[in-house]
Amino acid sequence: MNQNEIIQRARDEVLAELSRRKQERRKEYNTNVLSVRANDELAAKVRDYCKKNKVSTNQFFKTLLINFFKNNG
């Protein structure tokens, strides 16, 4: 195997790995995006709660929705 073949093989392996990683990340993202409008007071309360509890606002709303539908069928 000459140097050009080694370089081409390494390039192909790197590209295959990058493609595999891209596919895995794509699976993690959900395409359902919801938005919430809130006044300044509510937004500040949500941000403060999330900061104190070290959760993202996204995780906060996901948990809120899961609990709501669990309790309200």
PDB file of N, CA and C in Angstrom:
ATOM      1  N   MET A   1       0.862  -1.179   0.000  1.00  0.00           N
ATOM      2  CA  MET A   1       0.000   0.000   0.000  1.00  0.00           C
ATOM      3  C   MET A   1       0.903   1.235   0.000  1.00  0.00           C
ATOM      4  N   ASN A   2       0.716   2.096  -0.982  1.00  0.00           N
ATOM      5  CA  ASN A   2       1.559   3.289  -1.042  1.00  0.00           C
ATOM      6  C   ASN A   2       0.962   4.421  -0.206  1.00  0.00           C
ATOM      7  N   GLN A   3       1.693   5.512  -0.127  1.00  0.00           N
ATOM      8  CA  GLN A   3       1.291   6.628   0.736  1.00  0.00           C
ATOM      9  C   GLN A   3      -0.046   7.235   0.316  1.00  0.00           C
ATOM     10  N   ASN A   4      -0.296   7.361  -0.970  1.00  0.00           N
ATOM     11  CA  ASN A   4      -1.565   7.933  -1.447  1.00  0.00           C
ATOM     12  C   ASN A   4      -2.751   7.057  -1.068  1.00  0.00           C
ATOM     13  N   GLU A   5      -2.573   5.752  -1.128  1.00  0.00           N
ATOM     14  CA  GLU A   5      -3.644   4.838  -0.734  1.00  0.00           C
ATOM     15  C   GLU A   5      -3.922   4.927   0.766  1.00  0.00           C
ATOM     16  N   ILE A   6      -2.858   5.056   1.556  1.00  0.00           N
ATOM     17  CA  ILE A   6      -3.002   5.193   3.009  1.00  0.00           C
ATOM     18  C   ILE A   6      -3.757   6.480   3.330  1.00  0.00           C
ATOM     19  N   ILE A   7      -3.381   7.565   2.659  1.00  0.00           N
ATOM     20  CA  ILE A   7      -4.041   8.858   2.880  1.00  0.00           C
ATOM     21  C   ILE A   7      -5.516   8.771   2.486  1.00  0.00           C
ATOM     22  N   GLN A   8      -5.798   8.161   1.344  1.00  0.00           N
ATOM     23  CA  GLN A   8      -7.191   8.028   0.886  1.00  0.00           C
ATOM     24  C   GLN A   8      -8.002   7.182   1.861  1.00  0.00           C
ATOM     25  N   ARG A   9      -7.416   6.099   2.348  1.00  0.00           N
ATOM     26  CA  ARG A   9      -8.122   5.225   3.300  1.00  0.00           C
ATOM     27  C   ARG A   9      -8.422   5.973   4.605  1.00  0.00           C
ATOM     28  N   ALA A  10      -7.432   6.710   5.108  1.00  0.00           N
ATOM     29  CA  ALA A  10      -7.633   7.483   6.334  1.00  0.00           C
ATOM     30  C   ALA A  10      -8.723   8.534   6.123  1.00  0.00           C
ATOM     31  N   ARG A  11      -8.700   9.193   4.969  1.00  0.00           N
ATOM     32  CA  ARG A  11      -9.716  10.203   4.651  1.00  0.00           C
ATOM     33  C   ARG A  11     -11.108   9.585   4.639  1.00  0.00           C
ATOM     34  N   ASP A  12     -11.226   8.424   3.994  1.00  0.00           N
ATOM     35  CA  ASP A  12     -12.520   7.742   3.920  1.00  0.00           C
ATOM     36  C   ASP A  12     -13.021   7.327   5.302  1.00  0.00           C
ATOM     37  N   GLU A  13     -12.112   6.870   6.152  1.00  0.00           N
ATOM     38  CA  GLU A  13     -12.497   6.461   7.506  1.00  0.00           C
ATOM     39  C   GLU A  13     -12.970   7.654   8.327  1.00  0.00           C
ATOM     40  N   VAL A  14     -12.275   8.782   8.196  1.00  0.00           N
ATOM     41  CA  VAL A  14     -12.675   9.989   8.925  1.00  0.00           C
ATOM     42  C   VAL A  14     -14.036  10.474   8.443  1.00  0.00           C
ATOM     43  N   LEU A  15     -14.236  10.496   7.139  1.00  0.00           N
ATOM     44  CA  LEU A  15     -15.527  10.935   6.603  1.00  0.00           C
ATOM     45  C   LEU A  15     -16.656  10.004   7.030  1.00  0.00           C
ATOM     46  N   ALA A  16     -16.389   8.705   7.066  1.00  0.00           N
ATOM     47  CA  ALA A  16     -17.414   7.757   7.502  1.00  0.00           C
ATOM     48  C   ALA A  16     -17.762   7.979   8.972  1.00  0.00           C
ATOM     49  N   GLU A  17     -16.750   8.240   9.797  1.00  0.00           N
ATOM     50  CA  GLU A  17     -16.993   8.496  11.226  1.00  0.00           C
ATOM     51  C   GLU A  17     -17.794   9.780  11.410  1.00  0.00           C
ATOM     52  N   LEU A  18     -17.441  10.833  10.682  1.00  0.00           N
ATOM     53  CA  LEU A  18     -18.181  12.093  10.784  1.00  0.00           C
ATOM     54  C   LEU A  18     -19.629  11.913  10.337  1.00  0.00           C
ATOM     55  N   SER A  19     -19.838  11.150   9.292  1.00  0.00           N
ATOM     56  CA  SER A  19     -21.194  10.886   8.816  1.00  0.00           C
ATOM     57  C   SER A  19     -21.993  10.105   9.858  1.00  0.00           C
ATOM     58  N   ARG A  20     -21.364   9.121  10.489  1.00  0.00           N
ATOM     59  CA  ARG A  20     -22.030   8.332  11.531  1.00  0.00           C
ATOM     60  C   ARG A  20     -22.428   9.224  12.705  1.00  0.00           C
ATOM     61  N   ARG A  21     -21.511  10.098  13.131  1.00  0.00           N
ATOM     62  CA  ARG A  21     -21.806  11.012  14.246  1.00  0.00           C
ATOM     63  C   ARG A  21     -22.948  11.956  13.894  1.00  0.00           C
ATOM     64  N   LYS A  22     -22.959  12.437  12.660  1.00  0.00           N
ATOM     65  CA  LYS A  22     -24.023  13.354  12.221  1.00  0.00           C
ATOM     66  C   LYS A  22     -25.375  12.656  12.280  1.00  0.00           C
ATOM     67  N   GLN A  23     -25.433  11.404  11.847  1.00  0.00           N
ATOM     68  CA  GLN A  23     -26.679  10.640  11.895  1.00  0.00           C
ATOM     69  C   GLN A  23     -27.145  10.439  13.332  1.00  0.00           C
ATOM     70  N   GLU A  24     -26.219  10.152  14.241  1.00  0.00           N
ATOM     71  CA  GLU A  24     -26.580   9.952  15.647  1.00  0.00           C
ATOM     72  C   GLU A  24     -27.142  11.230  16.254  1.00  0.00           C
ATOM     73  N   ARG A  25     -26.512  12.363  15.951  1.00  0.00           N
ATOM     74  CA  ARG A  25     -27.007  13.635  16.484  1.00  0.00           C
ATOM     75  C   ARG A  25     -28.371  13.959  15.922  1.00  0.00           C
ATOM     76  N   ARG A  26     -28.587  13.661  14.669  1.00  0.00           N
ATOM     77  CA  ARG A  26     -29.874  13.938  14.033  1.00  0.00           C
ATOM     78  C   ARG A  26     -30.988  13.179  14.742  1.00  0.00           C
ATOM     79  N   LYS A  27     -30.712  11.970  15.203  1.00  0.00           N
ATOM     80  CA  LYS A  27     -31.705  11.169  15.898  1.00  0.00           C
ATOM     81  C   LYS A  27     -32.079  11.787  17.239  1.00  0.00           C
ATOM     82  N   GLU A  28     -31.150  12.510  17.855  1.00  0.00           N
ATOM     83  CA  GLU A  28     -31.390  13.085  19.179  1.00  0.00           C
ATOM     84  C   GLU A  28     -32.316  14.292  19.134  1.00  0.00           C
ATOM     85  N   TYR A  29     -32.372  14.966  18.013  1.00  0.00           N
ATOM     86  CA  TYR A  29     -33.184  16.171  17.934  1.00  0.00           C
ATOM     87  C   TYR A  29     -34.609  15.830  17.549  1.00  0.00           C
ATOM     88  N   ASN A  30     -35.516  16.413  18.277  1.00  0.00           N
ATOM     89  CA  ASN A  30     -36.926  16.228  17.981  1.00  0.00           C
ATOM     90  C   ASN A  30     -37.371  17.394  17.112  1.00  0.00           C
ATOM     91  N   THR A  31     -38.147  17.114  16.106  1.00  0.00           N
ATOM     92  CA  THR A  31     -38.559  18.169  15.189  1.00  0.00           C
ATOM     93  C   THR A  31     -39.784  18.930  15.680  1.00  0.00           C
ATOM     94  N   ASN A  32     -40.378  18.495  16.771  1.00  0.00           N
ATOM     95  CA  ASN A  32     -41.543  19.184  17.318  1.00  0.00           C
ATOM     96  C   ASN A  32     -41.071  20.322  18.217  1.00  0.00           C
ATOM     97  N   VAL A  33     -41.219  21.522  17.721  1.00  0.00           N
ATOM     98  CA  VAL A  33     -40.782  22.694  18.470  1.00  0.00           C
ATOM     99  C   VAL A  33     -42.022  23.491  18.849  1.00  0.00           C
ATOM    100  N   LEU A  34     -42.184  23.750  20.125  1.00  0.00           N
ATOM    101  CA  LEU A  34     -43.298  24.548  20.626  1.00  0.00           C
ATOM    102  C   LEU A  34     -42.723  25.840  21.197  1.00  0.00           C
ATOM    103  N   SER A  35     -43.500  26.897  21.176  1.00  0.00           N
ATOM    104  CA  SER A  35     -43.035  28.147  21.776  1.00  0.00           C
ATOM    105  C   SER A  35     -44.056  28.623  22.794  1.00  0.00           C
ATOM    106  N   VAL A  36     -43.555  29.362  23.749  1.00  0.00           N
ATOM    107  CA  VAL A  36     -44.406  29.870  24.823  1.00  0.00           C
ATOM    108  C   VAL A  36     -44.172  31.370  24.947  1.00  0.00           C
ATOM    109  N   ARG A  37     -45.234  32.106  25.002  1.00  0.00           N
ATOM    110  CA  ARG A  37     -45.123  33.551  25.245  1.00  0.00           C
ATOM    111  C   ARG A  37     -45.526  33.819  26.686  1.00  0.00           C
ATOM    112  N   ALA A  38     -44.712  34.608  27.360  1.00  0.00           N
ATOM    113  CA  ALA A  38     -44.995  34.928  28.760  1.00  0.00           C
ATOM    114  C   ALA A  38     -44.637  36.385  29.016  1.00  0.00           C
ATOM    115  N   ASN A  39     -45.301  36.951  30.008  1.00  0.00           N
ATOM    116  CA  ASN A  39     -44.945  38.325  30.362  1.00  0.00           C
ATOM    117  C   ASN A  39     -43.601  38.324  31.100  1.00  0.00           C
ATOM    118  N   ASP A  40     -43.063  39.504  31.356  1.00  0.00           N
ATOM    119  CA  ASP A  40     -41.740  39.618  31.971  1.00  0.00           C
ATOM    120  C   ASP A  40     -41.669  38.963  33.339  1.00  0.00           C
ATOM    121  N   GLU A  41     -42.741  39.090  34.116  1.00  0.00           N
ATOM    122  CA  GLU A  41     -42.751  38.533  35.474  1.00  0.00           C
ATOM    123  C   GLU A  41     -42.669  37.004  35.444  1.00  0.00           C
ATOM    124  N   LEU A  42     -43.486  36.378  34.609  1.00  0.00           N
ATOM    125  CA  LEU A  42     -43.449  34.915  34.506  1.00  0.00           C
ATOM    126  C   LEU A  42     -42.124  34.427  33.942  1.00  0.00           C
ATOM    127  N   ALA A  43     -41.630  35.115  32.932  1.00  0.00           N
ATOM    128  CA  ALA A  43     -40.354  34.720  32.329  1.00  0.00           C
ATOM    129  C   ALA A  43     -39.232  34.785  33.354  1.00  0.00           C
ATOM    130  N   ALA A  44     -39.231  35.821  34.183  1.00  0.00           N
ATOM    131  CA  ALA A  44     -38.206  35.959  35.217  1.00  0.00           C
ATOM    132  C   ALA A  44     -38.321  34.840  36.246  1.00  0.00           C
ATOM    133  N   LYS A  45     -39.552  34.484  36.613  1.00  0.00           N
ATOM    134  CA  LYS A  45     -39.748  33.396  37.579  1.00  0.00           C
ATOM    135  C   LYS A  45     -39.238  32.069  37.025  1.00  0.00           C
ATOM    136  N   VAL A  46     -39.532  31.803  35.760  1.00  0.00           N
ATOM    137  CA  VAL A  46     -39.075  30.558  35.139  1.00  0.00           C
ATOM    138  C   VAL A  46     -37.553  30.540  35.085  1.00  0.00           C
ATOM    139  N   ARG A  47     -36.956  31.615  34.642  1.00  0.00           N
ATOM    140  CA  ARG A  47     -35.485  31.675  34.549  1.00  0.00           C
ATOM    141  C   ARG A  47     -34.840  31.526  35.923  1.00  0.00           C
ATOM    142  N   ASP A  48     -35.392  32.185  36.932  1.00  0.00           N
ATOM    143  CA  ASP A  48     -34.843  32.068  38.296  1.00  0.00           C
ATOM    144  C   ASP A  48     -34.955  30.638  38.808  1.00  0.00           C
ATOM    145  N   TYR A  49     -36.100  30.017  38.606  1.00  0.00           N
ATOM    146  CA  TYR A  49     -36.299  28.632  39.036  1.00  0.00           C
ATOM    147  C   TYR A  49     -35.284  27.714  38.360  1.00  0.00           C
ATOM    148  N   CYS A  50     -35.128  27.877  37.064  1.00  0.00           N
ATOM    149  CA  CYS A  50     -34.210  27.019  36.313  1.00  0.00           C
ATOM    150  C   CYS A  50     -32.765  27.227  36.765  1.00  0.00           C
ATOM    151  N   LYS A  51     -32.417  28.462  37.015  1.00  0.00           N
ATOM    152  CA  LYS A  51     -31.046  28.748  37.468  1.00  0.00           C
ATOM    153  C   LYS A  51     -30.794  28.137  38.840  1.00  0.00           C
ATOM    154  N   LYS A  52     -31.735  28.310  39.762  1.00  0.00           N
ATOM    155  CA  LYS A  52     -31.587  27.765  41.116  1.00  0.00           C
ATOM    156  C   LYS A  52     -31.530  26.241  41.116  1.00  0.00           C
ATOM    157  N   ASN A  53     -32.292  25.609  40.238  1.00  0.00           N
ATOM    158  CA  ASN A  53     -32.369  24.152  40.199  1.00  0.00           C
ATOM    159  C   ASN A  53     -31.466  23.526  39.137  1.00  0.00           C
ATOM    160  N   LYS A  54     -30.701  24.357  38.463  1.00  0.00           N
ATOM    161  CA  LYS A  54     -29.729  23.906  37.465  1.00  0.00           C
ATOM    162  C   LYS A  54     -30.354  23.011  36.402  1.00  0.00           C
ATOM    163  N   VAL A  55     -31.464  23.491  35.847  1.00  0.00           N
ATOM    164  CA  VAL A  55     -32.117  22.810  34.723  1.00  0.00           C
ATOM    165  C   VAL A  55     -32.295  23.824  33.594  1.00  0.00           C
ATOM    166  N   SER A  56     -32.337  23.329  32.384  1.00  0.00           N
ATOM    167  CA  SER A  56     -32.581  24.221  31.248  1.00  0.00           C
ATOM    168  C   SER A  56     -34.065  24.575  31.204  1.00  0.00           C
ATOM    169  N   THR A  57     -34.372  25.662  30.535  1.00  0.00           N
ATOM    170  CA  THR A  57     -35.786  26.021  30.399  1.00  0.00           C
ATOM    171  C   THR A  57     -36.511  24.951  29.592  1.00  0.00           C
ATOM    172  N   ASN A  58     -35.830  24.352  28.634  1.00  0.00           N
ATOM    173  CA  ASN A  58     -36.440  23.291  27.849  1.00  0.00           C
ATOM    174  C   ASN A  58     -36.804  22.106  28.746  1.00  0.00           C
ATOM    175  N   GLN A  59     -35.880  21.698  29.604  1.00  0.00           N
ATOM    176  CA  GLN A  59     -36.153  20.580  30.513  1.00  0.00           C
ATOM    177  C   GLN A  59     -37.284  20.942  31.483  1.00  0.00           C
ATOM    178  N   PHE A  60     -37.317  22.182  31.933  1.00  0.00           N
ATOM    179  CA  PHE A  60     -38.383  22.650  32.824  1.00  0.00           C
ATOM    180  C   PHE A  60     -39.750  22.463  32.172  1.00  0.00           C
ATOM    181  N   PHE A  61     -39.877  22.945  30.926  1.00  0.00           N
ATOM    182  CA  PHE A  61     -41.166  22.851  30.252  1.00  0.00           C
ATOM    183  C   PHE A  61     -41.516  21.417  29.886  1.00  0.00           C
ATOM    184  N   LYS A  62     -40.523  20.605  29.519  1.00  0.00           N
ATOM    185  CA  LYS A  62     -40.795  19.196  29.241  1.00  0.00           C
ATOM    186  C   LYS A  62     -41.342  18.504  30.482  1.00  0.00           C
ATOM    187  N   THR A  63     -40.709  18.743  31.630  1.00  0.00           N
ATOM    188  CA  THR A  63     -41.166  18.138  32.884  1.00  0.00           C
ATOM    189  C   THR A  63     -42.560  18.635  33.240  1.00  0.00           C
ATOM    190  N   LEU A  64     -42.789  19.919  33.074  1.00  0.00           N
ATOM    191  CA  LEU A  64     -44.090  20.506  33.362  1.00  0.00           C
ATOM    192  C   LEU A  64     -45.179  19.857  32.505  1.00  0.00           C
ATOM    193  N   LEU A  65     -44.913  19.693  31.220  1.00  0.00           N
ATOM    194  CA  LEU A  65     -45.898  19.083  30.320  1.00  0.00           C
ATOM    195  C   LEU A  65     -46.114  17.604  30.628  1.00  0.00           C
ATOM    196  N   ILE A  66     -45.033  16.897  30.889  1.00  0.00           N
ATOM    197  CA  ILE A  66     -45.163  15.465  31.232  1.00  0.00           C
ATOM    198  C   ILE A  66     -46.025  15.303  32.476  1.00  0.00           C
ATOM    199  N   ASN A  67     -45.742  16.087  33.518  1.00  0.00           N
ATOM    200  CA  ASN A  67     -46.520  15.993  34.765  1.00  0.00           C
ATOM    201  C   ASN A  67     -47.979  16.405  34.551  1.00  0.00           C
ATOM    202  N   PHE A  68     -48.188  17.423  33.734  1.00  0.00           N
ATOM    203  CA  PHE A  68     -49.548  17.888  33.474  1.00  0.00           C
ATOM    204  C   PHE A  68     -50.375  16.765  32.829  1.00  0.00           C
ATOM    205  N   PHE A  69     -49.830  16.154  31.785  1.00  0.00           N
ATOM    206  CA  PHE A  69     -50.587  15.133  31.077  1.00  0.00           C
ATOM    207  C   PHE A  69     -50.666  13.821  31.853  1.00  0.00           C
ATOM    208  N   LYS A  70     -49.710  13.583  32.728  1.00  0.00           N
ATOM    209  CA  LYS A  70     -49.776  12.406  33.583  1.00  0.00           C
ATOM    210  C   LYS A  70     -50.923  12.552  34.568  1.00  0.00           C
ATOM    211  N   ASN A  71     -51.120  13.763  35.078  1.00  0.00           N
ATOM    212  CA  ASN A  71     -52.160  14.012  36.068  1.00  0.00           C
ATOM    213  C   ASN A  71     -53.519  14.311  35.461  1.00  0.00           C
ATOM    214  N   ASN A  72     -53.538  14.736  34.202  1.00  0.00           N
ATOM    215  CA  ASN A  72     -54.795  15.144  33.579  1.00  0.00           C
ATOM    216  C   ASN A  72     -55.173  14.278  32.391  1.00  0.00           C
ATOM    217  N   GLY A  73     -54.492  13.180  32.229  1.00  0.00           N
ATOM    218  CA  GLY A  73     -54.794  12.193  31.196  1.00  0.00           C
ATOM    219  C   GLY A  73     -54.848  12.758  29.842  1.00  0.00           C
TER     220      GLY A  73
END
